[in-house]
Amino acid sequence: MWGYFDSSAVVKLYVKESGRTALLRLLRQHEVVASDILPMEIRGALRRRADENVIERSRLPAALKQLALDRTQWNLLAVSTEILERPEQIVASHSVRTLDAIHIASAQEFAGQLRARVPFISADHRQIDAAVALGLIVERVV
């Protein structure tokens, strides 16, 4: 069964923080689908956490190596014209960041193509609120 995974959830694979156990359970239940922007966002999040001493800088190369291996197992969606038509409307009516709106639009597009309800898996509260308001089924990783 598919699950659309946002970077706020997936980053917990590489950082021990609240919600990691829930994420690992969801990864056993769902095949990962996400936007092409996911690896870039995770790489940036890991770098920031190392710069802020949330994770040890010495762990960063191993985490990035694991990210490179993991991404080969993920189903990454290209950020298409169809997807990019939606985020402007999403940010106009919901308090979410631009990349979060791209994730929501990608999840909507994927679910629409499948004609199925695909859980949207996130740890970002604003993004979760917007996804729920837009009719997505949400799995909170907290």
N, C-alpha and C. Protein backbone atom coordinates (compact mmCIF):
# COMPACT_ATOMS: atom_id res chain seq x y z
N MET A 1 0.84 -1.19 0.00
CA MET A 1 0.00 0.00 0.00
C MET A 1 0.89 1.25 0.00
N TRP A 2 0.52 2.21 -0.81
CA TRP A 2 1.27 3.45 -0.93
C TRP A 2 1.04 4.37 0.27
N GLY A 3 2.04 5.19 0.58
CA GLY A 3 1.92 6.27 1.53
C GLY A 3 2.74 7.43 1.01
N TYR A 4 2.17 8.63 1.00
CA TYR A 4 2.93 9.81 0.59
C TYR A 4 3.65 10.35 1.81
N PHE A 5 4.96 10.39 1.77
CA PHE A 5 5.78 10.80 2.91
C PHE A 5 6.38 12.18 2.70
N ASP A 6 6.13 13.07 3.66
CA ASP A 6 6.72 14.40 3.65
C ASP A 6 8.09 14.35 4.34
N SER A 7 8.93 15.31 4.03
CA SER A 7 10.28 15.35 4.60
C SER A 7 10.26 15.52 6.12
N SER A 8 9.25 16.19 6.67
CA SER A 8 9.19 16.37 8.12
C SER A 8 9.06 15.03 8.84
N ALA A 9 8.52 14.04 8.16
CA ALA A 9 8.42 12.69 8.73
C ALA A 9 9.67 11.89 8.43
N VAL A 10 10.11 11.90 7.17
CA VAL A 10 11.21 11.04 6.75
C VAL A 10 12.53 11.40 7.42
N VAL A 11 12.72 12.66 7.75
CA VAL A 11 13.98 13.06 8.39
C VAL A 11 14.19 12.29 9.70
N LYS A 12 13.12 11.81 10.29
CA LYS A 12 13.21 11.06 11.55
C LYS A 12 13.91 9.71 11.37
N LEU A 13 14.10 9.28 10.15
CA LEU A 13 14.90 8.08 9.89
C LEU A 13 16.35 8.30 10.28
N TYR A 14 16.80 9.52 10.17
CA TYR A 14 18.21 9.85 10.33
C TYR A 14 18.53 10.60 11.61
N VAL A 15 17.49 11.03 12.31
CA VAL A 15 17.66 11.80 13.55
C VAL A 15 16.74 11.19 14.60
N LYS A 16 17.29 10.91 15.75
CA LYS A 16 16.46 10.37 16.83
C LYS A 16 15.71 11.53 17.48
N GLU A 17 14.42 11.58 17.16
CA GLU A 17 13.57 12.63 17.71
C GLU A 17 12.15 12.10 17.84
N SER A 18 11.31 12.86 18.46
CA SER A 18 9.93 12.47 18.68
C SER A 18 9.28 12.06 17.36
N GLY A 19 8.56 10.95 17.38
CA GLY A 19 7.86 10.47 16.20
C GLY A 19 8.60 9.41 15.41
N ARG A 20 9.84 9.13 15.78
CA ARG A 20 10.64 8.16 15.03
C ARG A 20 10.01 6.77 15.05
N THR A 21 9.52 6.34 16.18
CA THR A 21 8.90 5.02 16.28
C THR A 21 7.67 4.94 15.39
N ALA A 22 6.86 5.98 15.39
CA ALA A 22 5.67 6.01 14.52
C ALA A 22 6.07 5.97 13.05
N LEU A 23 7.13 6.70 12.70
CA LEU A 23 7.60 6.69 11.31
C LEU A 23 8.04 5.29 10.89
N LEU A 24 8.80 4.63 11.74
CA LEU A 24 9.28 3.28 11.40
C LEU A 24 8.11 2.32 11.20
N ARG A 25 7.07 2.46 12.02
CA ARG A 25 5.87 1.63 11.85
C ARG A 25 5.21 1.91 10.51
N LEU A 26 5.08 3.18 10.15
CA LEU A 26 4.44 3.56 8.89
C LEU A 26 5.27 3.11 7.68
N LEU A 27 6.58 3.14 7.81
CA LEU A 27 7.44 2.67 6.72
C LEU A 27 7.29 1.16 6.49
N ARG A 28 6.96 0.43 7.54
CA ARG A 28 6.70 -1.01 7.38
C ARG A 28 5.35 -1.26 6.71
N GLN A 29 4.43 -0.34 6.86
CA GLN A 29 3.07 -0.49 6.33
C GLN A 29 2.90 0.04 4.92
N HIS A 30 3.74 1.00 4.51
CA HIS A 30 3.53 1.70 3.24
C HIS A 30 4.79 1.74 2.39
N GLU A 31 4.57 1.70 1.10
CA GLU A 31 5.65 1.95 0.16
C GLU A 31 5.77 3.46 0.00
N VAL A 32 6.99 3.97 0.03
CA VAL A 32 7.22 5.41 0.03
C VAL A 32 7.03 6.00 -1.36
N VAL A 33 6.16 7.00 -1.43
CA VAL A 33 6.05 7.87 -2.59
C VAL A 33 6.19 9.29 -2.06
N ALA A 34 6.93 10.10 -2.80
CA ALA A 34 7.17 11.48 -2.38
C ALA A 34 7.58 12.31 -3.59
N SER A 35 7.67 13.58 -3.38
CA SER A 35 8.12 14.49 -4.42
C SER A 35 9.63 14.37 -4.60
N ASP A 36 10.09 14.71 -5.81
CA ASP A 36 11.52 14.77 -6.10
C ASP A 36 12.27 15.70 -5.15
N ILE A 37 11.58 16.61 -4.50
CA ILE A 37 12.24 17.56 -3.61
C ILE A 37 12.59 16.93 -2.26
N LEU A 38 12.07 15.74 -1.97
CA LEU A 38 12.29 15.10 -0.66
C LEU A 38 13.76 14.92 -0.32
N PRO A 39 14.58 14.30 -1.17
CA PRO A 39 15.99 14.12 -0.78
C PRO A 39 16.72 15.43 -0.52
N MET A 40 16.44 16.45 -1.33
CA MET A 40 17.07 17.76 -1.14
C MET A 40 16.67 18.35 0.22
N GLU A 41 15.40 18.24 0.56
CA GLU A 41 14.93 18.78 1.84
C GLU A 41 15.57 18.04 3.02
N ILE A 42 15.66 16.74 2.91
CA ILE A 42 16.26 15.96 4.01
C ILE A 42 17.74 16.30 4.15
N ARG A 43 18.44 16.39 3.03
CA ARG A 43 19.85 16.77 3.07
C ARG A 43 20.01 18.12 3.77
N GLY A 44 19.18 19.07 3.42
CA GLY A 44 19.24 20.39 4.06
C GLY A 44 18.91 20.33 5.54
N ALA A 45 17.92 19.54 5.89
CA ALA A 45 17.53 19.41 7.31
C ALA A 45 18.65 18.77 8.13
N LEU A 46 19.30 17.77 7.56
CA LEU A 46 20.41 17.12 8.27
C LEU A 46 21.57 18.09 8.45
N ARG A 47 21.87 18.86 7.43
CA ARG A 47 22.96 19.83 7.52
C ARG A 47 22.65 20.88 8.60
N ARG A 48 21.41 21.37 8.61
CA ARG A 48 21.03 22.35 9.63
C ARG A 48 21.14 21.76 11.03
N ARG A 49 20.69 20.53 11.20
CA ARG A 49 20.76 19.90 12.52
C ARG A 49 22.21 19.71 12.97
N ALA A 50 23.09 19.41 12.03
CA ALA A 50 24.52 19.29 12.37
C ALA A 50 25.08 20.67 12.74
N ASP A 51 24.73 21.70 11.99
CA ASP A 51 25.19 23.06 12.28
C ASP A 51 24.68 23.56 13.63
N GLU A 52 23.48 23.10 14.02
CA GLU A 52 22.87 23.51 15.29
C GLU A 52 23.21 22.56 16.43
N ASN A 53 24.07 21.58 16.17
CA ASN A 53 24.51 20.58 17.15
C ASN A 53 23.37 19.72 17.67
N VAL A 54 22.32 19.56 16.88
CA VAL A 54 21.24 18.65 17.23
C VAL A 54 21.71 17.22 16.98
N ILE A 55 22.49 17.04 15.93
CA ILE A 55 23.18 15.77 15.70
C ILE A 55 24.68 16.06 15.64
N GLU A 56 25.46 15.07 15.96
CA GLU A 56 26.90 15.25 15.91
C GLU A 56 27.35 15.39 14.46
N ARG A 57 28.18 16.38 14.21
CA ARG A 57 28.68 16.63 12.86
C ARG A 57 29.35 15.38 12.28
N SER A 58 29.99 14.59 13.13
CA SER A 58 30.68 13.38 12.66
C SER A 58 29.69 12.34 12.12
N ARG A 59 28.40 12.43 12.50
CA ARG A 59 27.38 11.49 12.02
C ARG A 59 26.81 11.88 10.66
N LEU A 60 27.05 13.12 10.24
CA LEU A 60 26.46 13.63 9.00
C LEU A 60 26.85 12.81 7.77
N PRO A 61 28.13 12.49 7.55
CA PRO A 61 28.46 11.70 6.35
C PRO A 61 27.75 10.34 6.30
N ALA A 62 27.63 9.66 7.41
CA ALA A 62 26.94 8.36 7.43
C ALA A 62 25.46 8.54 7.15
N ALA A 63 24.86 9.59 7.71
CA ALA A 63 23.44 9.84 7.47
C ALA A 63 23.19 10.16 6.00
N LEU A 64 24.07 10.94 5.39
CA LEU A 64 23.92 11.28 3.98
C LEU A 64 24.13 10.06 3.09
N LYS A 65 25.04 9.20 3.48
CA LYS A 65 25.26 7.96 2.73
C LYS A 65 24.01 7.08 2.80
N GLN A 66 23.41 6.98 3.98
CA GLN A 66 22.19 6.19 4.14
C GLN A 66 21.05 6.80 3.34
N LEU A 67 20.96 8.13 3.33
CA LEU A 67 19.95 8.82 2.53
C LEU A 67 20.09 8.44 1.05
N ALA A 68 21.31 8.43 0.55
CA ALA A 68 21.54 8.07 -0.85
C ALA A 68 21.08 6.65 -1.13
N LEU A 69 21.31 5.73 -0.21
CA LEU A 69 20.85 4.35 -0.37
C LEU A 69 19.33 4.26 -0.30
N ASP A 70 18.75 4.94 0.67
CA ASP A 70 17.30 4.88 0.87
C ASP A 70 16.54 5.44 -0.32
N ARG A 71 17.02 6.52 -0.89
CA ARG A 71 16.29 7.16 -1.99
C ARG A 71 16.15 6.25 -3.20
N THR A 72 17.02 5.26 -3.33
CA THR A 72 16.89 4.32 -4.45
C THR A 72 15.67 3.42 -4.27
N GLN A 73 15.15 3.35 -3.06
CA GLN A 73 13.98 2.53 -2.77
C GLN A 73 12.67 3.33 -2.81
N TRP A 74 12.77 4.63 -2.90
CA TRP A 74 11.59 5.48 -2.88
C TRP A 74 11.07 5.73 -4.28
N ASN A 75 9.79 5.97 -4.39
CA ASN A 75 9.14 6.34 -5.64
C ASN A 75 8.99 7.86 -5.63
N LEU A 76 9.87 8.52 -6.36
CA LEU A 76 9.89 9.98 -6.35
C LEU A 76 9.17 10.53 -7.57
N LEU A 77 8.26 11.47 -7.31
CA LEU A 77 7.45 12.09 -8.37
C LEU A 77 8.11 13.36 -8.87
N ALA A 78 8.18 13.49 -10.17
CA ALA A 78 8.69 14.73 -10.76
C ALA A 78 7.74 15.87 -10.42
N VAL A 79 8.30 17.04 -10.22
CA VAL A 79 7.50 18.23 -9.97
C VAL A 79 7.04 18.74 -11.35
N SER A 80 5.89 18.27 -11.75
CA SER A 80 5.35 18.53 -13.09
C SER A 80 4.57 19.84 -13.13
N THR A 81 4.23 20.24 -14.34
CA THR A 81 3.40 21.43 -14.54
C THR A 81 2.06 21.27 -13.83
N GLU A 82 1.49 20.06 -13.90
CA GLU A 82 0.20 19.80 -13.24
C GLU A 82 0.31 20.00 -11.74
N ILE A 83 1.41 19.57 -11.17
CA ILE A 83 1.61 19.74 -9.73
C ILE A 83 1.83 21.22 -9.39
N LEU A 84 2.62 21.90 -10.19
CA LEU A 84 2.95 23.31 -9.90
C LEU A 84 1.77 24.27 -10.09
N GLU A 85 0.69 23.79 -10.68
CA GLU A 85 -0.50 24.64 -10.80
C GLU A 85 -1.22 24.81 -9.47
N ARG A 86 -1.02 23.90 -8.54
CA ARG A 86 -1.78 23.90 -7.28
C ARG A 86 -1.17 24.67 -6.11
N PRO A 87 0.15 24.67 -5.91
CA PRO A 87 0.70 25.28 -4.69
C PRO A 87 0.37 26.76 -4.48
N GLU A 88 0.26 27.52 -5.57
CA GLU A 88 -0.07 28.94 -5.40
C GLU A 88 -1.42 29.10 -4.72
N GLN A 89 -2.39 28.26 -5.11
CA GLN A 89 -3.71 28.31 -4.48
C GLN A 89 -3.63 27.82 -3.03
N ILE A 90 -2.79 26.82 -2.80
CA ILE A 90 -2.67 26.27 -1.44
C ILE A 90 -2.09 27.32 -0.49
N VAL A 91 -0.99 27.99 -0.90
CA VAL A 91 -0.39 28.99 -0.01
C VAL A 91 -1.26 30.23 0.14
N ALA A 92 -2.14 30.48 -0.83
CA ALA A 92 -3.05 31.62 -0.74
C ALA A 92 -4.13 31.40 0.31
N SER A 93 -4.47 30.14 0.57
CA SER A 93 -5.57 29.87 1.50
C SER A 93 -5.16 29.11 2.76
N HIS A 94 -3.88 28.71 2.86
CA HIS A 94 -3.41 27.97 4.04
C HIS A 94 -2.04 28.49 4.45
N SER A 95 -1.79 28.46 5.74
CA SER A 95 -0.52 28.97 6.27
C SER A 95 0.56 27.88 6.20
N VAL A 96 1.04 27.61 4.98
CA VAL A 96 2.09 26.62 4.78
C VAL A 96 3.21 27.22 3.94
N ARG A 97 4.40 26.65 4.09
CA ARG A 97 5.54 27.06 3.27
C ARG A 97 5.35 26.54 1.85
N THR A 98 6.07 27.15 0.93
CA THR A 98 5.95 26.79 -0.48
C THR A 98 6.27 25.32 -0.73
N LEU A 99 7.37 24.82 -0.19
CA LEU A 99 7.73 23.42 -0.43
C LEU A 99 6.71 22.47 0.21
N ASP A 100 6.12 22.88 1.32
CA ASP A 100 5.06 22.07 1.92
C ASP A 100 3.85 22.00 1.01
N ALA A 101 3.54 23.12 0.35
CA ALA A 101 2.42 23.15 -0.60
C ALA A 101 2.72 22.26 -1.81
N ILE A 102 3.97 22.20 -2.22
CA ILE A 102 4.35 21.31 -3.33
C ILE A 102 4.15 19.86 -2.93
N HIS A 103 4.47 19.52 -1.69
CA HIS A 103 4.23 18.15 -1.21
C HIS A 103 2.73 17.83 -1.21
N ILE A 104 1.92 18.75 -0.71
CA ILE A 104 0.47 18.52 -0.69
C ILE A 104 -0.05 18.34 -2.11
N ALA A 105 0.37 19.21 -3.02
CA ALA A 105 -0.07 19.11 -4.41
C ALA A 105 0.39 17.80 -5.05
N SER A 106 1.61 17.37 -4.73
CA SER A 106 2.12 16.10 -5.26
C SER A 106 1.29 14.93 -4.75
N ALA A 107 0.94 14.97 -3.48
CA ALA A 107 0.11 13.90 -2.90
C ALA A 107 -1.27 13.89 -3.55
N GLN A 108 -1.85 15.07 -3.77
CA GLN A 108 -3.15 15.14 -4.43
C GLN A 108 -3.07 14.56 -5.84
N GLU A 109 -2.04 14.93 -6.58
CA GLU A 109 -1.87 14.45 -7.95
C GLU A 109 -1.70 12.94 -7.99
N PHE A 110 -0.87 12.41 -7.10
CA PHE A 110 -0.63 10.97 -7.06
C PHE A 110 -1.91 10.21 -6.73
N ALA A 111 -2.61 10.67 -5.70
CA ALA A 111 -3.87 10.01 -5.32
C ALA A 111 -4.88 10.10 -6.45
N GLY A 112 -4.93 11.23 -7.14
CA GLY A 112 -5.84 11.40 -8.26
C GLY A 112 -5.52 10.45 -9.40
N GLN A 113 -4.26 10.27 -9.69
CA GLN A 113 -3.86 9.35 -10.75
C GLN A 113 -4.23 7.91 -10.40
N LEU A 114 -4.07 7.56 -9.13
CA LEU A 114 -4.42 6.20 -8.69
C LEU A 114 -5.92 6.02 -8.49
N ARG A 115 -6.62 7.14 -8.35
CA ARG A 115 -8.03 7.12 -7.96
C ARG A 115 -8.20 6.34 -6.66
N ALA A 116 -7.33 6.69 -5.72
CA ALA A 116 -7.32 6.00 -4.43
C ALA A 116 -7.02 7.02 -3.33
N ARG A 117 -7.36 6.66 -2.12
CA ARG A 117 -7.05 7.48 -0.96
C ARG A 117 -5.68 7.04 -0.45
N VAL A 118 -4.71 7.91 -0.58
CA VAL A 118 -3.34 7.62 -0.19
C VAL A 118 -3.03 8.44 1.06
N PRO A 119 -2.61 7.79 2.15
CA PRO A 119 -2.31 8.57 3.36
C PRO A 119 -1.15 9.54 3.13
N PHE A 120 -1.34 10.73 3.65
CA PHE A 120 -0.31 11.78 3.62
C PHE A 120 0.36 11.75 4.98
N ILE A 121 1.65 11.45 5.02
CA ILE A 121 2.37 11.22 6.27
C ILE A 121 3.30 12.39 6.53
N SER A 122 3.06 13.08 7.64
CA SER A 122 3.78 14.32 7.95
C SER A 122 3.91 14.51 9.44
N ALA A 123 4.88 15.33 9.83
CA ALA A 123 5.04 15.73 11.23
C ALA A 123 4.86 17.24 11.38
N ASP A 124 4.57 17.92 10.30
CA ASP A 124 4.44 19.38 10.28
C ASP A 124 2.99 19.76 10.54
N HIS A 125 2.73 20.41 11.66
CA HIS A 125 1.35 20.71 12.07
C HIS A 125 0.61 21.61 11.08
N ARG A 126 1.25 22.64 10.57
CA ARG A 126 0.58 23.52 9.60
C ARG A 126 0.26 22.76 8.32
N GLN A 127 1.21 21.97 7.89
CA GLN A 127 1.00 21.19 6.67
C GLN A 127 -0.12 20.17 6.87
N ILE A 128 -0.15 19.54 8.03
CA ILE A 128 -1.20 18.58 8.34
C ILE A 128 -2.56 19.26 8.30
N ASP A 129 -2.68 20.43 8.92
CA ASP A 129 -3.95 21.15 8.91
C ASP A 129 -4.41 21.46 7.49
N ALA A 130 -3.47 21.91 6.65
CA ALA A 130 -3.81 22.22 5.26
C ALA A 130 -4.21 20.96 4.50
N ALA A 131 -3.47 19.88 4.70
CA ALA A 131 -3.76 18.62 4.01
C ALA A 131 -5.15 18.10 4.38
N VAL A 132 -5.48 18.17 5.65
CA VAL A 132 -6.82 17.74 6.10
C VAL A 132 -7.89 18.62 5.46
N ALA A 133 -7.67 19.93 5.48
CA ALA A 133 -8.65 20.85 4.89
C ALA A 133 -8.84 20.61 3.39
N LEU A 134 -7.80 20.10 2.75
CA LEU A 134 -7.86 19.83 1.31
C LEU A 134 -8.31 18.40 0.99
N GLY A 135 -8.73 17.68 2.02
CA GLY A 135 -9.34 16.37 1.81
C GLY A 135 -8.41 15.17 1.80
N LEU A 136 -7.14 15.37 2.18
CA LEU A 136 -6.24 14.23 2.23
C LEU A 136 -6.41 13.47 3.55
N ILE A 137 -6.18 12.17 3.50
CA ILE A 137 -6.12 11.35 4.71
C ILE A 137 -4.73 11.55 5.30
N VAL A 138 -4.65 11.91 6.56
CA VAL A 138 -3.36 12.24 7.16
C VAL A 138 -3.00 11.25 8.25
N GLU A 139 -1.73 10.86 8.22
CA GLU A 139 -1.11 10.09 9.31
C GLU A 139 -0.11 11.03 9.95
N ARG A 140 -0.34 11.36 11.21
CA ARG A 140 0.56 12.27 11.93
C ARG A 140 1.72 11.49 12.53
N VAL A 141 2.91 12.01 12.32
CA VAL A 141 4.10 11.40 12.90
C VAL A 141 4.55 12.33 14.03
N VAL A 142 4.11 11.98 15.24
CA VAL A 142 4.45 12.81 16.41
C VAL A 142 4.95 11.96 17.55
